[in-house]
Amino acid sequence: DFATPRAVLTGHDYEITCAAICAELGLVISGSKEGPCLIHSMNGDLLRTLEGPERLQGPESCPRPKLIQASREGHCVIYYENGLFCVFSVNGRLQATMETDDKIR
């Protein structure tokens, strides 16, 4: 048997730097090098765009997600290269932010 993709996820303009799959909710969350994070259904439908907080926006500052983790309760934690953690709901609402100077891997 040949493996075939279940779905093709589209929407990013640049290379993907991080991704997480939440099988319990049927979601795929991905972040790209120069853009926002996207939430897709496992069928490939684009559901939401997660924009970083205003302090990440601006011509000299681009939100660059480095790590993503999703929970079965519907929360998405994103760590950006500049040391900022953001917690979003799966509905796309920014719920909390926290800055750190620590190196996160």
PDB file of N, CA and C in Angstrom:
ATOM      1  N   ASP A   1       0.831  -1.186   0.000  1.00  0.00           N
ATOM      2  CA  ASP A   1       0.000   0.000   0.000  1.00  0.00           C
ATOM      3  C   ASP A   1       0.877   1.250   0.000  1.00  0.00           C
ATOM      4  N   PHE A   2       0.395   2.260  -0.688  1.00  0.00           N
ATOM      5  CA  PHE A   2       1.092   3.531  -0.731  1.00  0.00           C
ATOM      6  C   PHE A   2       0.432   4.508   0.235  1.00  0.00           C
ATOM      7  N   ALA A   3       1.241   5.207   0.973  1.00  0.00           N
ATOM      8  CA  ALA A   3       0.713   6.223   1.896  1.00  0.00           C
ATOM      9  C   ALA A   3       0.349   7.470   1.113  1.00  0.00           C
ATOM     10  N   THR A   4      -0.792   8.016   1.424  1.00  0.00           N
ATOM     11  CA  THR A   4      -1.220   9.263   0.796  1.00  0.00           C
ATOM     12  C   THR A   4      -1.561  10.262   1.889  1.00  0.00           C
ATOM     13  N   PRO A   5      -1.339  11.538   1.620  1.00  0.00           N
ATOM     14  CA  PRO A   5      -1.663  12.538   2.650  1.00  0.00           C
ATOM     15  C   PRO A   5      -3.158  12.604   2.899  1.00  0.00           C
ATOM     16  N   ARG A   6      -3.495  12.829   4.141  1.00  0.00           N
ATOM     17  CA  ARG A   6      -4.898  12.962   4.526  1.00  0.00           C
ATOM     18  C   ARG A   6      -5.449  14.303   4.063  1.00  0.00           C
ATOM     19  N   ALA A   7      -4.590  15.324   4.135  1.00  0.00           N
ATOM     20  CA  ALA A   7      -4.987  16.672   3.720  1.00  0.00           C
ATOM     21  C   ALA A   7      -3.731  17.479   3.438  1.00  0.00           C
ATOM     22  N   VAL A   8      -3.874  18.502   2.624  1.00  0.00           N
ATOM     23  CA  VAL A   8      -2.795  19.448   2.371  1.00  0.00           C
ATOM     24  C   VAL A   8      -3.194  20.756   3.037  1.00  0.00           C
ATOM     25  N   LEU A   9      -2.365  21.215   3.958  1.00  0.00           N
ATOM     26  CA  LEU A   9      -2.656  22.442   4.699  1.00  0.00           C
ATOM     27  C   LEU A   9      -1.961  23.609   4.013  1.00  0.00           C
ATOM     28  N   THR A  10      -2.716  24.647   3.726  1.00  0.00           N
ATOM     29  CA  THR A  10      -2.157  25.808   3.036  1.00  0.00           C
ATOM     30  C   THR A  10      -2.405  27.071   3.863  1.00  0.00           C
ATOM     31  N   GLY A  11      -1.697  28.129   3.527  1.00  0.00           N
ATOM     32  CA  GLY A  11      -1.933  29.402   4.182  1.00  0.00           C
ATOM     33  C   GLY A  11      -0.673  30.149   4.567  1.00  0.00           C
ATOM     34  N   HIS A  12       0.437  29.455   4.756  1.00  0.00           N
ATOM     35  CA  HIS A  12       1.685  30.133   5.113  1.00  0.00           C
ATOM     36  C   HIS A  12       2.398  30.610   3.851  1.00  0.00           C
ATOM     37  N   ASP A  13       3.043  31.769   3.951  1.00  0.00           N
ATOM     38  CA  ASP A  13       3.831  32.291   2.842  1.00  0.00           C
ATOM     39  C   ASP A  13       5.301  31.935   2.961  1.00  0.00           C
ATOM     40  N   TYR A  14       5.734  31.514   4.147  1.00  0.00           N
ATOM     41  CA  TYR A  14       7.138  31.191   4.396  1.00  0.00           C
ATOM     42  C   TYR A  14       7.238  29.802   5.013  1.00  0.00           C
ATOM     43  N   GLU A  15       8.459  29.324   5.186  1.00  0.00           N
ATOM     44  CA  GLU A  15       8.671  27.980   5.700  1.00  0.00           C
ATOM     45  C   GLU A  15       8.113  27.802   7.106  1.00  0.00           C
ATOM     46  N   ILE A  16       7.646  26.597   7.382  1.00  0.00           N
ATOM     47  CA  ILE A  16       7.085  26.258   8.690  1.00  0.00           C
ATOM     48  C   ILE A  16       8.235  26.041   9.674  1.00  0.00           C
ATOM     49  N   THR A  17       8.149  26.680  10.839  1.00  0.00           N
ATOM     50  CA  THR A  17       9.198  26.544  11.857  1.00  0.00           C
ATOM     51  C   THR A  17       8.749  25.692  13.040  1.00  0.00           C
ATOM     52  N   CYS A  18       7.442  25.557  13.239  1.00  0.00           N
ATOM     53  CA  CYS A  18       6.946  24.754  14.353  1.00  0.00           C
ATOM     54  C   CYS A  18       5.515  24.320  14.056  1.00  0.00           C
ATOM     55  N   ALA A  19       5.143  23.196  14.648  1.00  0.00           N
ATOM     56  CA  ALA A  19       3.785  22.685  14.449  1.00  0.00           C
ATOM     57  C   ALA A  19       3.406  21.789  15.620  1.00  0.00           C
ATOM     58  N   ALA A  20       2.121  21.692  15.869  1.00  0.00           N
ATOM     59  CA  ALA A  20       1.590  20.815  16.912  1.00  0.00           C
ATOM     60  C   ALA A  20       0.279  20.225  16.422  1.00  0.00           C
ATOM     61  N   ILE A  21       0.038  18.993  16.805  1.00  0.00           N
ATOM     62  CA  ILE A  21      -1.211  18.317  16.458  1.00  0.00           C
ATOM     63  C   ILE A  21      -1.950  18.005  17.747  1.00  0.00           C
ATOM     64  N   CYS A  22      -3.215  18.395  17.787  1.00  0.00           N
ATOM     65  CA  CYS A  22      -4.071  18.079  18.922  1.00  0.00           C
ATOM     66  C   CYS A  22      -5.136  17.109  18.407  1.00  0.00           C
ATOM     67  N   ALA A  23      -4.849  15.815  18.526  1.00  0.00           N
ATOM     68  CA  ALA A  23      -5.748  14.794  17.991  1.00  0.00           C
ATOM     69  C   ALA A  23      -7.104  14.814  18.689  1.00  0.00           C
ATOM     70  N   GLU A  24      -7.114  15.151  19.995  1.00  0.00           N
ATOM     71  CA  GLU A  24      -8.373  15.170  20.743  1.00  0.00           C
ATOM     72  C   GLU A  24      -9.368  16.177  20.174  1.00  0.00           C
ATOM     73  N   LEU A  25      -8.856  17.311  19.691  1.00  0.00           N
ATOM     74  CA  LEU A  25      -9.727  18.347  19.126  1.00  0.00           C
ATOM     75  C   LEU A  25      -9.735  18.340  17.596  1.00  0.00           C
ATOM     76  N   GLY A  26      -8.891  17.513  16.996  1.00  0.00           N
ATOM     77  CA  GLY A  26      -8.834  17.437  15.535  1.00  0.00           C
ATOM     78  C   GLY A  26      -8.220  18.673  14.908  1.00  0.00           C
ATOM     79  N   LEU A  27      -7.174  19.216  15.556  1.00  0.00           N
ATOM     80  CA  LEU A  27      -6.566  20.464  15.080  1.00  0.00           C
ATOM     81  C   LEU A  27      -5.080  20.301  14.790  1.00  0.00           C
ATOM     82  N   VAL A  28      -4.610  21.074  13.818  1.00  0.00           N
ATOM     83  CA  VAL A  28      -3.188  21.195  13.525  1.00  0.00           C
ATOM     84  C   VAL A  28      -2.859  22.680  13.636  1.00  0.00           C
ATOM     85  N   ILE A  29      -1.858  23.012  14.448  1.00  0.00           N
ATOM     86  CA  ILE A  29      -1.456  24.403  14.646  1.00  0.00           C
ATOM     87  C   ILE A  29      -0.023  24.530  14.154  1.00  0.00           C
ATOM     88  N   SER A  30       0.222  25.522  13.304  1.00  0.00           N
ATOM     89  CA  SER A  30       1.552  25.675  12.726  1.00  0.00           C
ATOM     90  C   SER A  30       1.960  27.137  12.718  1.00  0.00           C
ATOM     91  N   GLY A  31       3.278  27.346  12.781  1.00  0.00           N
ATOM     92  CA  GLY A  31       3.840  28.687  12.735  1.00  0.00           C
ATOM     93  C   GLY A  31       4.907  28.758  11.664  1.00  0.00           C
ATOM     94  N   SER A  32       5.006  29.901  10.997  1.00  0.00           N
ATOM     95  CA  SER A  32       5.995  30.040   9.932  1.00  0.00           C
ATOM     96  C   SER A  32       7.036  31.087  10.285  1.00  0.00           C
ATOM     97  N   LYS A  33       8.107  31.087   9.532  1.00  0.00           N
ATOM     98  CA  LYS A  33       9.269  31.930   9.796  1.00  0.00           C
ATOM     99  C   LYS A  33       8.935  33.410   9.857  1.00  0.00           C
ATOM    100  N   GLU A  34       8.096  33.891   8.991  1.00  0.00           N
ATOM    101  CA  GLU A  34       7.802  35.320   8.910  1.00  0.00           C
ATOM    102  C   GLU A  34       6.311  35.619   8.975  1.00  0.00           C
ATOM    103  N   GLY A  35       5.571  34.843   9.726  1.00  0.00           N
ATOM    104  CA  GLY A  35       4.146  35.108   9.711  1.00  0.00           C
ATOM    105  C   GLY A  35       3.411  34.597  10.920  1.00  0.00           C
ATOM    106  N   PRO A  36       2.109  34.699  10.889  1.00  0.00           N
ATOM    107  CA  PRO A  36       1.296  34.291  12.036  1.00  0.00           C
ATOM    108  C   PRO A  36       1.203  32.775  12.137  1.00  0.00           C
ATOM    109  N   CYS A  37       0.652  32.315  13.237  1.00  0.00           N
ATOM    110  CA  CYS A  37       0.354  30.896  13.420  1.00  0.00           C
ATOM    111  C   CYS A  37      -1.051  30.638  12.884  1.00  0.00           C
ATOM    112  N   LEU A  38      -1.244  29.466  12.328  1.00  0.00           N
ATOM    113  CA  LEU A  38      -2.530  29.098  11.750  1.00  0.00           C
ATOM    114  C   LEU A  38      -3.076  27.851  12.419  1.00  0.00           C
ATOM    115  N   ILE A  39      -4.392  27.803  12.564  1.00  0.00           N
ATOM    116  CA  ILE A  39      -5.069  26.613  13.071  1.00  0.00           C
ATOM    117  C   ILE A  39      -5.881  26.020  11.931  1.00  0.00           C
ATOM    118  N   HIS A  40      -5.606  24.753  11.629  1.00  0.00           N
ATOM    119  CA  HIS A  40      -6.333  24.017  10.600  1.00  0.00           C
ATOM    120  C   HIS A  40      -7.067  22.849  11.241  1.00  0.00           C
ATOM    121  N   SER A  41      -8.139  22.421  10.593  1.00  0.00           N
ATOM    122  CA  SER A  41      -8.752  21.157  10.983  1.00  0.00           C
ATOM    123  C   SER A  41      -7.912  20.040  10.372  1.00  0.00           C
ATOM    124  N   MET A  42      -8.080  18.835  10.851  1.00  0.00           N
ATOM    125  CA  MET A  42      -7.331  17.707  10.287  1.00  0.00           C
ATOM    126  C   MET A  42      -7.755  17.413   8.846  1.00  0.00           C
ATOM    127  N   ASN A  43      -8.881  17.974   8.430  1.00  0.00           N
ATOM    128  CA  ASN A  43      -9.331  17.813   7.047  1.00  0.00           C
ATOM    129  C   ASN A  43      -8.702  18.838   6.116  1.00  0.00           C
ATOM    130  N   GLY A  44      -7.956  19.797   6.691  1.00  0.00           N
ATOM    131  CA  GLY A  44      -7.275  20.787   5.862  1.00  0.00           C
ATOM    132  C   GLY A  44      -7.936  22.149   5.818  1.00  0.00           C
ATOM    133  N   ASP A  45      -9.057  22.336   6.506  1.00  0.00           N
ATOM    134  CA  ASP A  45      -9.735  23.634   6.497  1.00  0.00           C
ATOM    135  C   ASP A  45      -9.008  24.618   7.406  1.00  0.00           C
ATOM    136  N   LEU A  46      -8.737  25.815   6.897  1.00  0.00           N
ATOM    137  CA  LEU A  46      -8.134  26.871   7.712  1.00  0.00           C
ATOM    138  C   LEU A  46      -9.214  27.448   8.614  1.00  0.00           C
ATOM    139  N   LEU A  47      -9.011  27.356   9.929  1.00  0.00           N
ATOM    140  CA  LEU A  47     -10.019  27.793  10.892  1.00  0.00           C
ATOM    141  C   LEU A  47      -9.724  29.166  11.483  1.00  0.00           C
ATOM    142  N   ARG A  48      -8.477  29.403  11.884  1.00  0.00           N
ATOM    143  CA  ARG A  48      -8.120  30.642  12.584  1.00  0.00           C
ATOM    144  C   ARG A  48      -6.702  31.056  12.247  1.00  0.00           C
ATOM    145  N   THR A  49      -6.452  32.356  12.421  1.00  0.00           N
ATOM    146  CA  THR A  49      -5.111  32.919  12.370  1.00  0.00           C
ATOM    147  C   THR A  49      -4.818  33.492  13.737  1.00  0.00           C
ATOM    148  N   LEU A  50      -3.696  33.102  14.320  1.00  0.00           N
ATOM    149  CA  LEU A  50      -3.308  33.596  15.643  1.00  0.00           C
ATOM    150  C   LEU A  50      -2.261  34.690  15.459  1.00  0.00           C
ATOM    151  N   GLU A  51      -2.693  35.918  15.617  1.00  0.00           N
ATOM    152  CA  GLU A  51      -1.781  37.055  15.493  1.00  0.00           C
ATOM    153  C   GLU A  51      -1.117  37.294  16.836  1.00  0.00           C
ATOM    154  N   GLY A  52       0.171  37.608  16.811  1.00  0.00           N
ATOM    155  CA  GLY A  52       0.886  37.930  18.032  1.00  0.00           C
ATOM    156  C   GLY A  52       0.366  39.226  18.628  1.00  0.00           C
ATOM    157  N   PRO A  53       0.704  39.494  19.870  1.00  0.00           N
ATOM    158  CA  PRO A  53       0.250  40.739  20.495  1.00  0.00           C
ATOM    159  C   PRO A  53       0.846  41.962  19.805  1.00  0.00           C
ATOM    160  N   GLU A  54       0.273  43.124  20.086  1.00  0.00           N
ATOM    161  CA  GLU A  54       0.679  44.357  19.415  1.00  0.00           C
ATOM    162  C   GLU A  54       2.161  44.647  19.560  1.00  0.00           C
ATOM    163  N   ARG A  55       2.756  44.260  20.671  1.00  0.00           N
ATOM    164  CA  ARG A  55       4.178  44.570  20.861  1.00  0.00           C
ATOM    165  C   ARG A  55       5.062  43.783  19.902  1.00  0.00           C
ATOM    166  N   LEU A  56       4.515  42.737  19.277  1.00  0.00           N
ATOM    167  CA  LEU A  56       5.270  41.998  18.271  1.00  0.00           C
ATOM    168  C   LEU A  56       5.060  42.566  16.883  1.00  0.00           C
ATOM    169  N   GLN A  57       4.070  43.408  16.706  1.00  0.00           N
ATOM    170  CA  GLN A  57       3.744  43.945  15.398  1.00  0.00           C
ATOM    171  C   GLN A  57       4.598  45.174  15.109  1.00  0.00           C
ATOM    172  N   GLY A  58       4.720  45.519  13.861  1.00  0.00           N
ATOM    173  CA  GLY A  58       5.468  46.701  13.475  1.00  0.00           C
ATOM    174  C   GLY A  58       6.444  46.368  12.358  1.00  0.00           C
ATOM    175  N   PRO A  59       6.943  47.391  11.665  1.00  0.00           N
ATOM    176  CA  PRO A  59       7.800  47.138  10.513  1.00  0.00           C
ATOM    177  C   PRO A  59       9.131  46.470  10.862  1.00  0.00           C
ATOM    178  N   GLU A  60       9.692  46.773  12.019  1.00  0.00           N
ATOM    179  CA  GLU A  60      10.981  46.201  12.386  1.00  0.00           C
ATOM    180  C   GLU A  60      10.853  44.917  13.198  1.00  0.00           C
ATOM    181  N   SER A  61       9.655  44.567  13.592  1.00  0.00           N
ATOM    182  CA  SER A  61       9.461  43.398  14.437  1.00  0.00           C
ATOM    183  C   SER A  61       8.426  42.467  13.825  1.00  0.00           C
ATOM    184  N   CYS A  62       8.843  41.263  13.522  1.00  0.00           N
ATOM    185  CA  CYS A  62       7.928  40.275  12.957  1.00  0.00           C
ATOM    186  C   CYS A  62       7.753  39.151  13.965  1.00  0.00           C
ATOM    187  N   PRO A  63       6.509  38.724  14.228  1.00  0.00           N
ATOM    188  CA  PRO A  63       6.327  37.607  15.162  1.00  0.00           C
ATOM    189  C   PRO A  63       6.916  36.336  14.567  1.00  0.00           C
ATOM    190  N   ARG A  64       7.902  35.759  15.234  1.00  0.00           N
ATOM    191  CA  ARG A  64       8.562  34.551  14.747  1.00  0.00           C
ATOM    192  C   ARG A  64       8.373  33.427  15.757  1.00  0.00           C
ATOM    193  N   PRO A  65       7.348  32.618  15.551  1.00  0.00           N
ATOM    194  CA  PRO A  65       7.098  31.527  16.488  1.00  0.00           C
ATOM    195  C   PRO A  65       8.190  30.472  16.413  1.00  0.00           C
ATOM    196  N   LYS A  66       8.622  30.016  17.581  1.00  0.00           N
ATOM    197  CA  LYS A  66       9.686  29.014  17.655  1.00  0.00           C
ATOM    198  C   LYS A  66       9.152  27.670  18.137  1.00  0.00           C
ATOM    199  N   LEU A  67       8.227  27.692  19.103  1.00  0.00           N
ATOM    200  CA  LEU A  67       7.642  26.466  19.651  1.00  0.00           C
ATOM    201  C   LEU A  67       6.134  26.633  19.802  1.00  0.00           C
ATOM    202  N   ILE A  68       5.408  25.545  19.587  1.00  0.00           N
ATOM    203  CA  ILE A  68       3.950  25.546  19.763  1.00  0.00           C
ATOM    204  C   ILE A  68       3.562  24.277  20.506  1.00  0.00           C
ATOM    205  N   GLN A  69       2.615  24.421  21.422  1.00  0.00           N
ATOM    206  CA  GLN A  69       2.036  23.248  22.078  1.00  0.00           C
ATOM    207  C   GLN A  69       0.548  23.498  22.272  1.00  0.00           C
ATOM    208  N   ALA A  70      -0.256  22.497  21.990  1.00  0.00           N
ATOM    209  CA  ALA A  70      -1.709  22.605  22.144  1.00  0.00           C
ATOM    210  C   ALA A  70      -2.168  21.631  23.221  1.00  0.00           C
ATOM    211  N   SER A  71      -3.219  22.011  23.932  1.00  0.00           N
ATOM    212  CA  SER A  71      -3.772  21.135  24.963  1.00  0.00           C
ATOM    213  C   SER A  71      -5.147  20.637  24.538  1.00  0.00           C
ATOM    214  N   ARG A  72      -5.559  19.544  25.135  1.00  0.00           N
ATOM    215  CA  ARG A  72      -6.886  19.000  24.814  1.00  0.00           C
ATOM    216  C   ARG A  72      -8.002  19.868  25.370  1.00  0.00           C
ATOM    217  N   GLU A  73      -7.661  20.801  26.276  1.00  0.00           N
ATOM    218  CA  GLU A  73      -8.656  21.726  26.819  1.00  0.00           C
ATOM    219  C   GLU A  73      -8.905  22.917  25.905  1.00  0.00           C
ATOM    220  N   GLY A  74      -8.150  23.017  24.819  1.00  0.00           N
ATOM    221  CA  GLY A  74      -8.381  24.093  23.868  1.00  0.00           C
ATOM    222  C   GLY A  74      -7.487  25.301  24.040  1.00  0.00           C
ATOM    223  N   HIS A  75      -6.305  25.117  24.633  1.00  0.00           N
ATOM    224  CA  HIS A  75      -5.347  26.210  24.772  1.00  0.00           C
ATOM    225  C   HIS A  75      -4.147  25.944  23.879  1.00  0.00           C
ATOM    226  N   CYS A  76      -3.592  26.998  23.362  1.00  0.00           N
ATOM    227  CA  CYS A  76      -2.415  26.910  22.515  1.00  0.00           C
ATOM    228  C   CYS A  76      -1.352  27.841  23.087  1.00  0.00           C
ATOM    229  N   VAL A  77      -0.185  27.291  23.416  1.00  0.00           N
ATOM    230  CA  VAL A  77       0.923  28.083  23.933  1.00  0.00           C
ATOM    231  C   VAL A  77       1.947  28.239  22.815  1.00  0.00           C
ATOM    232  N   ILE A  78       2.321  29.477  22.551  1.00  0.00           N
ATOM    233  CA  ILE A  78       3.304  29.770  21.509  1.00  0.00           C
ATOM    234  C   ILE A  78       4.466  30.516  22.146  1.00  0.00           C
ATOM    235  N   TYR A  79       5.671  30.060  21.856  1.00  0.00           N
ATOM    236  CA  TYR A  79       6.878  30.737  22.305  1.00  0.00           C
ATOM    237  C   TYR A  79       7.512  31.391  21.084  1.00  0.00           C
ATOM    238  N   TYR A  80       7.706  32.708  21.156  1.00  0.00           N
ATOM    239  CA  TYR A  80       8.306  33.465  20.060  1.00  0.00           C
ATOM    240  C   TYR A  80       9.801  33.647  20.310  1.00  0.00           C
ATOM    241  N   GLU A  81      10.569  33.850  19.245  1.00  0.00           N
ATOM    242  CA  GLU A  81      12.027  33.983  19.328  1.00  0.00           C
ATOM    243  C   GLU A  81      12.483  35.081  20.276  1.00  0.00           C
ATOM    244  N   ASN A  82      11.690  36.120  20.455  1.00  0.00           N
ATOM    245  CA  ASN A  82      12.102  37.243  21.302  1.00  0.00           C
ATOM    246  C   ASN A  82      11.866  36.988  22.790  1.00  0.00           C
ATOM    247  N   GLY A  83      11.497  35.759  23.178  1.00  0.00           N
ATOM    248  CA  GLY A  83      11.324  35.428  24.582  1.00  0.00           C
ATOM    249  C   GLY A  83       9.927  35.638  25.116  1.00  0.00           C
ATOM    250  N   LEU A  84       8.959  35.762  24.248  1.00  0.00           N
ATOM    251  CA  LEU A  84       7.581  36.004  24.669  1.00  0.00           C
ATOM    252  C   LEU A  84       6.756  34.729  24.528  1.00  0.00           C
ATOM    253  N   PHE A  85       6.065  34.359  25.612  1.00  0.00           N
ATOM    254  CA  PHE A  85       5.092  33.277  25.589  1.00  0.00           C
ATOM    255  C   PHE A  85       3.711  33.892  25.433  1.00  0.00           C
ATOM    256  N   CYS A  86       2.874  33.292  24.608  1.00  0.00           N
ATOM    257  CA  CYS A  86       1.483  33.718  24.465  1.00  0.00           C
ATOM    258  C   CYS A  86       0.584  32.498  24.583  1.00  0.00           C
ATOM    259  N   VAL A  87      -0.526  32.667  25.263  1.00  0.00           N
ATOM    260  CA  VAL A  87      -1.531  31.615  25.370  1.00  0.00           C
ATOM    261  C   VAL A  87      -2.772  32.099  24.636  1.00  0.00           C
ATOM    262  N   PHE A  88      -3.220  31.296  23.676  1.00  0.00           N
ATOM    263  CA  PHE A  88      -4.407  31.598  22.894  1.00  0.00           C
ATOM    264  C   PHE A  88      -5.459  30.531  23.148  1.00  0.00           C
ATOM    265  N   SER A  89      -6.721  30.902  22.999  1.00  0.00           N
ATOM    266  CA  SER A  89      -7.774  29.894  22.953  1.00  0.00           C
ATOM    267  C   SER A  89      -7.832  29.391  21.516  1.00  0.00           C
ATOM    268  N   VAL A  90      -8.455  28.240  21.298  1.00  0.00           N
ATOM    269  CA  VAL A  90      -8.570  27.747  19.923  1.00  0.00           C
ATOM    270  C   VAL A  90      -9.497  28.618  19.093  1.00  0.00           C
ATOM    271  N   ASN A  91     -10.207  29.533  19.736  1.00  0.00           N
ATOM    272  CA  ASN A  91     -11.033  30.499  19.017  1.00  0.00           C
ATOM    273  C   ASN A  91     -10.221  31.700  18.547  1.00  0.00           C
ATOM    274  N   GLY A  92      -8.923  31.717  18.852  1.00  0.00           N
ATOM    275  CA  GLY A  92      -8.050  32.779  18.378  1.00  0.00           C
ATOM    276  C   GLY A  92      -7.882  33.940  19.329  1.00  0.00           C
ATOM    277  N   ARG A  93      -8.430  33.843  20.517  1.00  0.00           N
ATOM    278  CA  ARG A  93      -8.347  34.959  21.478  1.00  0.00           C
ATOM    279  C   ARG A  93      -7.074  34.851  22.307  1.00  0.00           C
ATOM    280  N   LEU A  94      -6.321  35.947  22.356  1.00  0.00           N
ATOM    281  CA  LEU A  94      -5.125  36.006  23.182  1.00  0.00           C
ATOM    282  C   LEU A  94      -5.547  36.069  24.639  1.00  0.00           C
ATOM    283  N   GLN A  95      -5.098  35.107  25.456  1.00  0.00           N
ATOM    284  CA  GLN A  95      -5.530  35.042  26.850  1.00  0.00           C
ATOM    285  C   GLN A  95      -4.476  35.532  27.828  1.00  0.00           C
ATOM    286  N   ALA A  96      -3.201  35.323  27.523  1.00  0.00           N
ATOM    287  CA  ALA A  96      -2.148  35.742  28.450  1.00  0.00           C
ATOM    288  C   ALA A  96      -0.818  35.836  27.721  1.00  0.00           C
ATOM    289  N   THR A  97       0.077  36.656  28.259  1.00  0.00           N
ATOM    290  CA  THR A  97       1.440  36.754  27.747  1.00  0.00           C
ATOM    291  C   THR A  97       2.412  36.761  28.919  1.00  0.00           C
ATOM    292  N   MET A  98       3.642  36.337  28.647  1.00  0.00           N
ATOM    293  CA  MET A  98       4.695  36.359  29.650  1.00  0.00           C
ATOM    294  C   MET A  98       6.038  36.437  28.930  1.00  0.00           C
ATOM    295  N   GLU A  99       6.911  37.308  29.400  1.00  0.00           N
ATOM    296  CA  GLU A  99       8.239  37.427  28.808  1.00  0.00           C
ATOM    297  C   GLU A  99       9.264  36.728  29.688  1.00  0.00           C
ATOM    298  N   THR A 100      10.299  36.182  29.035  1.00  0.00           N
ATOM    299  CA  THR A 100      11.373  35.521  29.748  1.00  0.00           C
ATOM    300  C   THR A 100      12.693  35.805  29.041  1.00  0.00           C
ATOM    301  N   ASP A 101      13.767  35.818  29.821  1.00  0.00           N
ATOM    302  CA  ASP A 101      15.108  35.960  29.257  1.00  0.00           C
ATOM    303  C   ASP A 101      15.800  34.606  29.141  1.00  0.00           C
ATOM    304  N   ASP A 102      15.143  33.551  29.612  1.00  0.00           N
ATOM    305  CA  ASP A 102      15.726  32.211  29.566  1.00  0.00           C
ATOM    306  C   ASP A 102      15.721  31.672  28.138  1.00  0.00           C
ATOM    307  N   LYS A 103      16.655  30.773  27.856  1.00  0.00           N
ATOM    308  CA  LYS A 103      16.706  30.079  26.572  1.00  0.00           C
ATOM    309  C   LYS A 103      15.756  28.884  26.652  1.00  0.00           C
ATOM    310  N   ILE A 104      14.755  28.851  25.820  1.00  0.00           N
ATOM    311  CA  ILE A 104      13.750  27.797  25.814  1.00  0.00           C
ATOM    312  C   ILE A 104      14.001  26.907  24.604  1.00  0.00           C
ATOM    313  N   ARG A 105      13.992  25.595  24.848  1.00  0.00           N
ATOM    314  CA  ARG A 105      14.208  24.638  23.737  1.00  0.00           C
ATOM    315  C   ARG A 105      13.105  23.625  23.710  1.00  0.00           C
TER     316      ARG A 105
END
